[in-house]
Amino acid sequence: MTLTLRQPVIAREKDRSFWLQDVGAGAVTPPLQGAQRADVVIVGGGFTGLWTALRLREQAPEMRITILEADFCGSGASGRNGGQVHSWFAEIDQISAVVGKAEGRQLCAETVDAIVELDQLQRDGVVDMELRLDGWMWTASSKAQEGAWNKAFAMCEAVGADRFEPLSGADILRRTGSAASYAGIVERHAGTVHPAKLAMGLRRLALARGIVICEQSPVLDIVPGGICTVRSAQGSIQAEKIVLAANAWLAAIPELRRRMYVVASQVIATAAIPDRLNELGWRDGLSICDSQQQVLYYQRTPQGRVIFGRGSGEIAFRDDFGASFNRSPARGRDNRREMQRVYPALRDVAVEYDWSGPIDCVPEHVPVFDHLESHPNIFFGLGFNGTGIAQTPIGGRILASLVLEKHDRWSESGLVGLARRSTLPPEPIRYLGARLVRAAIRRKNDAEIRNESAGPLTNLLASFTPGSRQKRTDES
């Protein structure tokens, strides 16, 4: 049975993220043409695909690896997010619920190692990603948000992981220049990055290590078999192993769509105002999140722009998302409103960029890896739920071990196994229910930020969010 992939709506240049416009696409590699052959074909040139290719190259130097990217590397979620870098310790409770406490602790520690790896790549001059490890704050700006971090904080203490420190309102005001959030915790060895520069740097590293990258090569379909055939508009390529690393676009495959859902996140970038931010006391690469269900996440760039994101919760029928997931017709209206609430002194600052991005979510809020049920040589990784910069390097290790048929801690991780994950309702129940839930979450957020009750019906509907709890679903 042929696997048909959904064709992405390529963003217009003016609709791309600030990050992508800042670096420019540059020269792209030639598209797939004619009949080609490889040992492994990776579909998707974002963080997951690039890290998987690099991990494979480390372990199998002679392997012929080809990445097929529909647009150019990093143009999807990897180049559209909020640029926040933090470990999995913030999700230790969710991860442990899936893999158990021992492996949960180990996976969280390995994302700390991944941050060290990113830092080393920058220090060695391999990838200039503007990584600034000035901390990540998880905060509350209303009574309903207070203590959202308590379970993760307690679990970290229980396993001897000294990752977080409590924050007072004065601490937050001093570092961020905003009094909107008044309690929280901080992870010190975390911070911000320029995600498009990271993606471009990983791309250059992959090319330097002999990995073939074919950009502007959207995959039309895959013909499974002992030798799979992957077809694009201008060519085809055969390989024994396929890795699907296409983020939210994997919802085109029914087997995967049953266990994932796609939502949009909206991000804006202001004009550069370094002097004004310095006056507020917001001077470094700190990243900040609050704790509402449609989370706010923000940072200042080295040049003094404010990057301000929010989970919009926008959905599409059958997860067939289009141009509005590149740039919303609302043009960041909710983000502008919320930024003015958090930073009233910046009310007059111009917003120069606004963009959207699809997020591949799973109910457990923890990624899943496996092979397709009837195709043991077609692997996938999905469900990073918008938290991937320090997490996709781990995903790359898991996928590499699966491809290489190794029996190690990566291939035997509790993150491997789609059948153990929750199944979502079929359409149209899924779409109609999601619209009701999204509207309830928006009402709930707006009421709670005013320290008001949203009402029993709204709270009930909001509780039907997959894996619902007071937790971030962001593009960090």
Protein backbone atom coordinates (compact mmCIF):
# COMPACT_ATOMS: atom_id res chain seq x y z
CA MET A 1 0.00 0.00 0.00
CA THR A 2 1.48 3.32 -1.11
CA LEU A 3 1.87 5.97 1.62
CA THR A 4 0.74 9.33 0.30
CA LEU A 5 2.20 12.41 1.98
CA ARG A 6 0.49 15.77 2.22
CA GLN A 7 2.09 18.53 0.19
CA PRO A 8 3.10 21.49 2.34
CA VAL A 9 2.00 25.03 1.56
CA ILE A 10 5.36 26.76 1.17
CA ALA A 11 5.40 30.09 2.99
CA ARG A 12 5.86 33.27 1.01
CA GLU A 13 9.02 35.15 1.91
CA LYS A 14 7.10 37.88 3.76
CA ASP A 15 5.20 35.23 5.74
CA ARG A 16 8.31 33.46 7.01
CA SER A 17 9.50 33.83 10.58
CA PHE A 18 11.79 36.62 11.66
CA TRP A 19 14.49 34.00 12.16
CA LEU A 20 14.27 32.71 8.59
CA GLN A 21 14.10 36.18 7.08
CA ASP A 22 17.04 37.21 9.23
CA VAL A 23 19.32 34.50 7.82
CA GLY A 24 17.79 34.27 4.32
CA ALA A 25 17.41 30.94 2.56
CA GLY A 26 20.71 31.29 0.71
CA ALA A 27 21.71 28.75 -1.92
CA VAL A 28 19.68 25.57 -1.70
CA THR A 29 20.94 22.16 -2.71
CA PRO A 30 19.66 20.69 -6.00
CA PRO A 31 16.32 18.87 -5.80
CA LEU A 32 16.04 15.12 -6.17
CA GLN A 33 16.21 14.30 -9.88
CA GLY A 34 16.13 11.05 -11.79
CA ALA A 35 16.44 7.64 -10.18
CA GLN A 36 18.76 7.59 -7.15
CA ARG A 37 19.81 5.07 -4.50
CA ALA A 38 20.74 5.36 -0.82
CA ASP A 39 20.93 3.20 2.27
CA VAL A 40 18.73 5.51 4.31
CA VAL A 41 16.36 8.27 3.20
CA ILE A 42 15.25 10.82 5.78
CA VAL A 43 12.08 12.74 4.96
CA GLY A 44 12.36 16.16 6.57
CA GLY A 45 15.30 18.55 6.95
CA GLY A 46 14.51 20.07 10.32
CA PHE A 47 16.14 19.41 13.68
CA THR A 48 14.92 15.81 13.93
CA GLY A 49 16.01 14.86 10.43
CA LEU A 50 19.37 16.62 10.65
CA TRP A 51 20.24 15.20 14.07
CA THR A 52 19.24 11.70 12.94
CA ALA A 53 21.51 11.99 9.90
CA LEU A 54 24.42 13.22 12.02
CA ARG A 55 23.97 10.44 14.59
CA LEU A 56 23.89 7.85 11.79
CA ARG A 57 27.05 9.29 10.27
CA GLU A 58 28.85 9.05 13.64
CA GLN A 59 28.05 5.34 13.92
CA ALA A 60 28.03 4.23 10.28
CA PRO A 61 30.57 6.33 8.34
CA GLU A 62 30.08 4.42 5.09
CA MET A 63 26.30 4.61 5.07
CA ARG A 64 24.72 6.49 2.16
CA ILE A 65 22.33 8.96 3.75
CA THR A 66 20.00 11.30 1.85
CA ILE A 67 17.74 13.94 3.36
CA LEU A 68 14.72 15.07 1.33
CA GLU A 69 13.37 18.47 2.35
CA ALA A 70 10.23 20.00 0.84
CA ASP A 71 11.47 23.60 1.07
CA PHE A 72 14.90 24.27 2.59
CA CYS A 73 16.38 22.90 5.80
CA GLY A 74 14.90 24.52 8.88
CA SER A 75 12.01 26.17 7.03
CA GLY A 76 9.38 24.24 8.99
CA ALA A 77 8.88 24.23 12.76
CA SER A 78 12.66 24.23 13.35
CA GLY A 79 12.96 27.77 11.98
CA ARG A 80 9.68 29.19 13.28
CA ASN A 81 9.74 28.56 17.02
CA GLY A 82 10.39 30.82 19.99
CA GLY A 83 14.07 29.93 20.27
CA GLN A 84 13.88 28.69 23.86
CA VAL A 85 16.31 26.08 25.16
CA HIS A 86 15.60 24.11 28.31
CA SER A 87 15.96 20.55 29.50
CA TRP A 88 13.31 17.87 29.86
CA PHE A 89 13.44 18.21 33.65
CA ALA A 90 10.43 20.54 33.35
CA GLU A 91 8.55 17.53 31.95
CA ILE A 92 10.06 14.88 34.24
CA ASP A 93 6.64 13.94 35.61
CA GLN A 94 5.15 13.47 32.13
CA ILE A 95 8.17 11.58 30.83
CA SER A 96 8.28 9.34 33.88
CA ALA A 97 4.61 8.50 33.41
CA VAL A 98 5.53 7.06 29.99
CA VAL A 99 8.95 5.48 30.56
CA GLY A 100 9.20 5.05 34.35
CA LYS A 101 11.10 7.09 36.90
CA ALA A 102 14.58 5.67 36.28
CA GLU A 103 14.62 6.24 32.54
CA GLY A 104 12.74 9.50 32.96
CA ARG A 105 15.56 10.82 35.13
CA GLN A 106 18.15 9.59 32.62
CA LEU A 107 16.42 11.12 29.58
CA CYS A 108 16.12 14.45 31.36
CA ALA A 109 19.84 14.35 32.22
CA GLU A 110 20.65 13.60 28.59
CA THR A 111 18.89 16.78 27.46
CA VAL A 112 21.22 18.63 29.83
CA ASP A 113 24.08 16.91 27.98
CA ALA A 114 22.50 18.00 24.69
CA ILE A 115 22.60 21.62 25.83
CA VAL A 116 26.28 21.15 26.65
CA GLU A 117 26.76 19.70 23.15
CA LEU A 118 25.10 22.74 21.58
CA ASP A 119 27.28 25.03 23.66
CA GLN A 120 30.39 23.14 22.56
CA LEU A 121 29.42 23.38 18.89
CA GLN A 122 29.23 27.13 19.31
CA ARG A 123 32.43 27.43 21.35
CA ASP A 124 34.32 25.39 18.73
CA GLY A 125 33.07 27.68 15.96
CA VAL A 126 31.19 24.85 14.25
CA VAL A 127 27.71 26.39 14.52
CA ASP A 128 27.08 30.05 15.36
CA MET A 129 23.56 29.78 16.78
CA GLU A 130 23.56 32.80 19.15
CA LEU A 131 23.18 30.40 22.09
CA ARG A 132 22.92 32.32 25.37
CA LEU A 133 22.62 30.22 28.50
CA ASP A 134 21.27 32.91 30.80
CA GLY A 135 18.41 30.82 32.20
CA TRP A 136 14.81 29.79 31.56
CA MET A 137 11.98 30.99 33.79
CA TRP A 138 8.72 29.11 34.31
CA THR A 139 6.36 31.60 35.92
CA ALA A 140 2.85 32.36 37.13
CA SER A 141 0.96 35.54 36.37
CA SER A 142 -2.35 34.62 38.04
CA LYS A 143 -3.57 32.61 41.02
CA ALA A 144 -4.67 29.74 38.78
CA GLN A 145 -1.11 29.40 37.45
CA GLU A 146 0.60 29.36 40.84
CA GLY A 147 2.52 26.16 41.51
CA ALA A 148 2.15 24.73 38.00
CA TRP A 149 5.75 23.55 38.39
CA ASN A 150 5.35 21.95 41.84
CA LYS A 151 5.20 18.32 40.72
CA ALA A 152 8.21 18.59 38.39
CA PHE A 153 10.13 20.55 41.02
CA ALA A 154 9.43 17.94 43.70
CA MET A 155 10.36 15.04 41.42
CA CYS A 156 13.65 16.70 40.53
CA GLU A 157 14.47 17.12 44.20
CA ALA A 158 13.50 13.50 44.89
CA VAL A 159 15.95 12.16 42.30
CA GLY A 160 18.74 14.52 43.33
CA ALA A 161 18.53 16.71 40.22
CA ASP A 162 19.30 20.25 41.32
CA ARG A 163 17.90 21.95 38.23
CA PHE A 164 15.50 24.60 39.50
CA GLU A 165 15.58 27.47 41.95
CA PRO A 166 12.50 29.31 43.28
CA LEU A 167 11.89 32.86 42.13
CA SER A 168 10.21 35.79 43.84
CA GLY A 169 8.33 38.53 42.06
CA ALA A 170 11.29 40.83 42.70
CA ASP A 171 13.63 38.33 41.01
CA ILE A 172 11.41 38.16 37.94
CA LEU A 173 10.97 41.93 37.72
CA ARG A 174 14.71 42.52 38.04
CA ARG A 175 15.57 40.09 35.23
CA THR A 176 12.66 40.59 32.83
CA GLY A 177 11.55 44.17 33.45
CA SER A 178 7.95 42.98 33.84
CA ALA A 179 5.75 42.70 36.93
CA ALA A 180 3.14 40.56 35.17
CA SER A 181 4.58 37.33 36.55
CA TYR A 182 5.22 37.25 40.29
CA ALA A 183 6.27 33.69 41.16
CA GLY A 184 8.09 30.84 39.50
CA ILE A 185 11.27 28.81 39.15
CA VAL A 186 14.37 29.17 37.01
CA GLU A 187 16.57 26.62 35.28
CA ARG A 188 20.00 28.20 35.24
CA HIS A 189 21.72 26.23 32.47
CA ALA A 190 19.15 27.06 29.78
CA GLY A 191 18.26 30.08 27.69
CA THR A 192 17.77 31.09 24.08
CA VAL A 193 19.05 30.41 20.60
CA HIS A 194 18.57 31.67 17.03
CA PRO A 195 16.78 28.56 15.73
CA ALA A 196 17.28 29.28 12.02
CA LYS A 197 21.02 29.76 12.55
CA LEU A 198 21.09 26.45 14.41
CA ALA A 199 19.27 24.70 11.57
CA MET A 200 21.54 26.24 8.94
CA GLY A 201 24.59 25.27 10.96
CA LEU A 202 23.47 21.65 11.31
CA ARG A 203 22.79 21.62 7.57
CA ARG A 204 26.33 22.79 6.81
CA LEU A 205 27.72 20.22 9.21
CA ALA A 206 25.71 17.43 7.56
CA LEU A 207 26.90 18.43 4.09
CA ALA A 208 30.51 18.61 5.29
CA ARG A 209 30.18 15.04 6.58
CA GLY A 210 29.04 13.67 3.26
CA ILE A 211 25.29 13.55 3.87
CA VAL A 212 23.33 14.25 0.69
CA ILE A 213 20.60 16.88 1.06
CA CYS A 214 17.99 17.45 -1.64
CA GLU A 215 15.98 20.58 -0.93
CA GLN A 216 12.85 21.75 -2.73
CA SER A 217 11.97 18.07 -2.98
CA PRO A 218 8.56 17.50 -1.39
CA VAL A 219 7.83 13.78 -1.15
CA LEU A 220 4.71 12.73 -3.01
CA ASP A 221 4.53 9.17 -1.79
CA ILE A 222 6.46 6.17 -0.54
CA VAL A 223 6.12 2.69 -1.99
CA PRO A 224 6.98 0.31 0.88
CA GLY A 225 8.82 -2.98 0.50
CA GLY A 226 12.13 -4.63 1.25
CA ILE A 227 13.53 -1.79 -0.83
CA CYS A 228 11.32 1.30 -0.51
CA THR A 229 10.84 3.83 -3.28
CA VAL A 230 10.39 7.49 -2.33
CA ARG A 231 8.99 9.67 -5.09
CA SER A 232 9.08 13.41 -5.59
CA ALA A 233 8.00 15.54 -8.53
CA GLN A 234 11.30 15.30 -10.38
CA GLY A 235 12.80 12.04 -9.24
CA SER A 236 12.76 8.98 -7.07
CA ILE A 237 15.12 7.31 -4.65
CA GLN A 238 15.28 3.75 -3.38
CA ALA A 239 16.52 2.76 0.08
CA GLU A 240 16.34 -0.09 2.53
CA LYS A 241 15.42 2.21 5.42
CA ILE A 242 13.21 5.31 5.60
CA VAL A 243 12.98 7.81 8.46
CA LEU A 244 9.92 10.06 8.63
CA ALA A 245 11.00 13.26 10.39
CA ALA A 246 8.45 15.69 8.97
CA ASN A 247 6.94 17.03 12.20
CA ALA A 248 3.25 17.96 11.91
CA TRP A 249 3.10 16.85 8.26
CA LEU A 250 3.18 13.23 9.42
CA ALA A 251 -0.52 13.65 10.22
CA ALA A 252 -1.10 12.70 6.57
CA ILE A 253 -0.44 9.06 7.52
CA PRO A 254 -3.63 7.59 9.05
CA GLU A 255 -1.77 5.27 11.42
CA LEU A 256 0.02 8.26 12.93
CA ARG A 257 -2.86 10.73 12.78
CA ARG A 258 -4.90 8.53 15.13
CA ARG A 259 -2.39 9.23 17.89
CA MET A 260 -1.37 12.83 17.19
CA TYR A 261 -2.94 16.21 16.64
CA VAL A 262 -1.71 19.47 15.15
CA VAL A 263 -2.18 22.94 16.60
CA ALA A 264 -0.76 26.30 15.57
CA SER A 265 1.44 28.63 17.56
CA GLN A 266 1.66 32.35 16.82
CA VAL A 267 4.83 34.42 17.23
CA ILE A 268 5.66 38.10 16.73
CA ALA A 269 8.92 40.05 16.68
CA THR A 270 9.16 43.73 17.46
CA ALA A 271 11.45 46.37 16.09
CA ALA A 272 14.91 46.42 17.69
CA ILE A 273 14.73 48.53 20.88
CA PRO A 274 17.85 47.57 22.88
CA ASP A 275 18.07 50.81 24.86
CA ARG A 276 14.48 50.60 26.06
CA LEU A 277 14.87 46.95 27.07
CA ASN A 278 18.07 47.77 28.89
CA GLU A 279 16.24 50.49 30.81
CA LEU A 280 13.68 47.90 31.91
CA GLY A 281 16.51 45.67 33.11
CA TRP A 282 15.92 43.04 30.42
CA ARG A 283 19.46 42.67 29.14
CA ASP A 284 20.42 39.07 28.42
CA GLY A 285 19.40 35.79 26.79
CA LEU A 286 16.92 34.73 29.44
CA SER A 287 13.80 32.96 28.17
CA ILE A 288 10.45 33.16 29.94
CA CYS A 289 7.24 31.11 29.92
CA ASP A 290 4.06 31.48 31.90
CA SER A 291 1.75 28.62 32.88
CA GLN A 292 -1.52 29.12 31.06
CA GLN A 293 -2.69 26.34 28.76
CA GLN A 294 -2.15 28.56 25.72
CA VAL A 295 1.22 29.57 27.03
CA LEU A 296 3.12 32.80 26.56
CA TYR A 297 6.82 32.40 25.76
CA TYR A 298 9.21 35.24 25.13
CA GLN A 299 12.81 36.38 24.87
CA ARG A 300 14.87 39.37 23.73
CA THR A 301 17.34 38.88 20.91
CA PRO A 302 20.94 40.10 21.14
CA GLN A 303 19.91 42.98 18.86
CA GLY A 304 17.08 44.01 21.19
CA ARG A 305 13.96 42.63 19.50
CA VAL A 306 11.23 41.09 21.62
CA ILE A 307 10.15 37.65 20.42
CA PHE A 308 6.72 36.96 21.87
CA GLY A 309 4.85 33.73 21.21
CA ARG A 310 1.58 32.18 22.20
CA GLY A 311 -0.10 28.88 21.50
CA SER A 312 -3.13 29.88 19.42
CA GLY A 313 -4.73 26.44 19.49
CA GLU A 314 -5.82 26.84 15.86
CA ILE A 315 -6.71 23.50 14.32
CA ALA A 316 -7.65 22.13 10.90
CA PHE A 317 -10.10 19.43 9.82
CA ARG A 318 -8.26 16.11 9.40
CA ASP A 319 -5.14 18.09 10.38
CA ASP A 320 -4.99 19.33 6.79
CA PHE A 321 -3.47 22.67 7.64
CA GLY A 322 -2.66 25.30 5.05
CA ALA A 323 -1.45 28.87 4.62
CA SER A 324 -2.94 30.12 7.92
CA PHE A 325 -0.40 27.90 9.68
CA ASN A 326 2.33 29.96 7.99
CA ARG A 327 0.84 33.31 8.90
CA SER A 328 -2.47 33.80 10.65
CA PRO A 329 -5.07 36.18 9.15
CA ALA A 330 -5.21 37.74 12.64
CA ARG A 331 -1.58 38.89 12.16
CA GLY A 332 -0.61 38.23 15.75
CA ARG A 333 -3.45 40.24 17.28
CA ASP A 334 -3.63 38.14 20.47
CA ASN A 335 0.13 38.28 20.87
CA ARG A 336 0.18 42.05 20.55
CA ARG A 337 -2.55 42.33 23.19
CA GLU A 338 -0.73 40.02 25.58
CA MET A 339 2.64 41.67 25.04
CA GLN A 340 1.08 45.01 25.93
CA ARG A 341 -0.31 43.44 29.11
CA VAL A 342 3.06 41.97 30.09
CA TYR A 343 5.02 45.05 28.95
CA PRO A 344 2.68 48.07 29.06
CA ALA A 345 5.68 50.38 28.64
CA LEU A 346 6.22 48.87 25.17
CA ARG A 347 2.70 49.56 23.93
CA ASP A 348 3.98 51.92 21.23
CA VAL A 349 6.68 49.57 19.88
CA ALA A 350 6.16 48.42 16.30
CA VAL A 351 5.68 44.74 15.51
CA GLU A 352 7.73 44.09 12.38
CA TYR A 353 7.17 40.33 11.94
CA ASP A 354 4.37 37.90 12.69
CA TRP A 355 4.18 34.25 11.76
CA SER A 356 2.60 30.94 12.68
CA GLY A 357 3.84 27.38 12.91
CA PRO A 358 2.31 23.92 13.23
CA ILE A 359 3.10 21.86 16.32
CA ASP A 360 3.00 18.05 16.28
CA CYS A 361 1.37 17.04 19.55
CA VAL A 362 0.56 13.76 21.26
CA PRO A 363 -1.72 13.41 24.30
CA GLU A 364 1.14 12.35 26.58
CA HIS A 365 3.14 15.49 25.67
CA VAL A 366 6.19 13.26 25.23
CA PRO A 367 7.53 12.24 21.78
CA VAL A 368 7.12 8.76 20.38
CA PHE A 369 9.38 6.73 18.08
CA ASP A 370 8.74 3.48 16.27
CA HIS A 371 8.33 1.90 12.85
CA LEU A 372 5.04 1.78 10.99
CA GLU A 373 3.01 -1.24 11.99
CA SER A 374 3.20 -3.09 8.67
CA HIS A 375 6.52 -1.66 7.54
CA PRO A 376 9.43 -2.52 9.87
CA ASN A 377 11.91 -0.52 7.77
CA ILE A 378 9.96 2.77 7.86
CA PHE A 379 10.68 4.63 11.10
CA PHE A 380 9.31 7.86 12.54
CA GLY A 381 9.69 10.32 15.38
CA LEU A 382 6.95 12.78 16.32
CA GLY A 383 5.20 14.54 19.18
CA PHE A 384 7.82 16.94 20.50
CA ASN A 385 4.92 19.24 21.41
CA GLY A 386 6.91 22.33 20.54
CA THR A 387 9.81 21.54 22.89
CA GLY A 388 12.61 20.29 20.68
CA ILE A 389 15.86 22.23 20.62
CA ALA A 390 17.49 20.23 23.42
CA GLN A 391 15.25 17.20 22.81
CA THR A 392 15.70 16.41 19.10
CA PRO A 393 19.38 15.48 19.64
CA ILE A 394 18.02 12.67 21.84
CA GLY A 395 15.41 11.79 19.22
CA GLY A 396 18.20 11.53 16.66
CA ARG A 397 19.99 8.96 18.82
CA ILE A 398 16.86 6.86 19.20
CA LEU A 399 16.08 6.91 15.49
CA ALA A 400 19.67 6.11 14.56
CA SER A 401 19.66 3.05 16.82
CA LEU A 402 16.36 1.87 15.35
CA VAL A 403 17.68 2.26 11.80
CA LEU A 404 20.90 0.44 12.64
CA GLU A 405 18.92 -2.34 14.35
CA LYS A 406 20.91 -1.96 17.53
CA HIS A 407 19.80 -3.43 20.83
CA ASP A 408 20.80 -0.63 23.16
CA ARG A 409 19.25 1.78 25.59
CA TRP A 410 18.17 4.06 22.77
CA SER A 411 16.30 1.50 20.66
CA GLU A 412 14.84 -0.03 23.83
CA SER A 413 13.77 3.30 25.32
CA GLY A 414 10.28 3.59 26.74
CA LEU A 415 9.75 6.38 24.20
CA VAL A 416 9.69 3.66 21.52
CA GLY A 417 6.27 2.12 20.96
CA LEU A 418 3.29 3.76 19.24
CA ALA A 419 0.80 1.08 20.32
CA ARG A 420 1.17 2.13 23.96
CA ARG A 421 0.07 5.68 23.24
CA SER A 422 -3.43 7.16 23.46
CA THR A 423 -5.76 7.11 20.47
CA LEU A 424 -7.73 10.23 19.53
CA PRO A 425 -11.36 10.32 18.32
CA PRO A 426 -12.15 10.02 14.60
CA GLU A 427 -13.35 12.87 12.42
CA PRO A 428 -15.62 14.82 12.50
CA ILE A 429 -15.97 14.31 16.27
CA ARG A 430 -12.30 15.16 16.70
CA TYR A 431 -12.47 18.48 14.83
CA LEU A 432 -15.78 19.65 16.27
CA GLY A 433 -14.75 18.67 19.80
CA ALA A 434 -11.40 20.41 19.40
CA ARG A 435 -13.12 23.64 18.38
CA LEU A 436 -15.28 23.55 21.51
CA VAL A 437 -12.29 22.80 23.70
CA ARG A 438 -10.16 25.52 22.07
CA ALA A 439 -12.86 28.15 22.65
CA ALA A 440 -13.19 27.04 26.27
CA ILE A 441 -9.43 27.24 26.85
CA ARG A 442 -9.36 30.77 25.46
CA ARG A 443 -12.21 31.84 27.78
CA LYS A 444 -10.56 30.10 30.71
CA ASN A 445 -7.19 31.74 30.06
CA ASP A 446 -8.72 35.19 29.71
CA ALA A 447 -10.73 34.81 32.91
CA GLU A 448 -7.89 33.37 34.96
CA ILE A 449 -5.44 36.07 33.92
CA ARG A 450 -7.94 38.48 35.56
CA ASN A 451 -8.08 36.16 38.61
CA GLU A 452 -11.71 35.37 37.83
CA SER A 453 -13.51 32.05 37.53
CA ALA A 454 -14.24 30.87 34.01
CA GLY A 455 -17.35 28.99 35.11
CA PRO A 456 -18.05 25.26 35.50
CA LEU A 457 -19.00 24.54 31.88
CA THR A 458 -15.93 26.30 30.48
CA ASN A 459 -13.67 24.52 32.95
CA LEU A 460 -15.24 21.17 32.09
CA LEU A 461 -14.77 21.68 28.34
CA ALA A 462 -11.18 22.88 28.82
CA SER A 463 -10.41 19.72 30.78
CA PHE A 464 -10.94 17.64 27.64
CA THR A 465 -7.65 18.87 26.17
CA PRO A 466 -5.59 15.73 25.38
CA GLY A 467 -3.35 15.04 28.37
CA SER A 468 -4.85 18.09 30.03
CA ARG A 469 -2.95 19.70 32.88
CA GLN A 470 -1.51 23.12 33.61
CA LYS A 471 1.49 22.67 31.30
CA ARG A 472 3.14 24.39 28.40
CA THR A 473 2.41 23.51 24.77
CA ASP A 474 4.81 25.92 23.14
CA GLU A 475 7.29 26.30 20.30
CA SER A 476 10.34 26.46 22.44
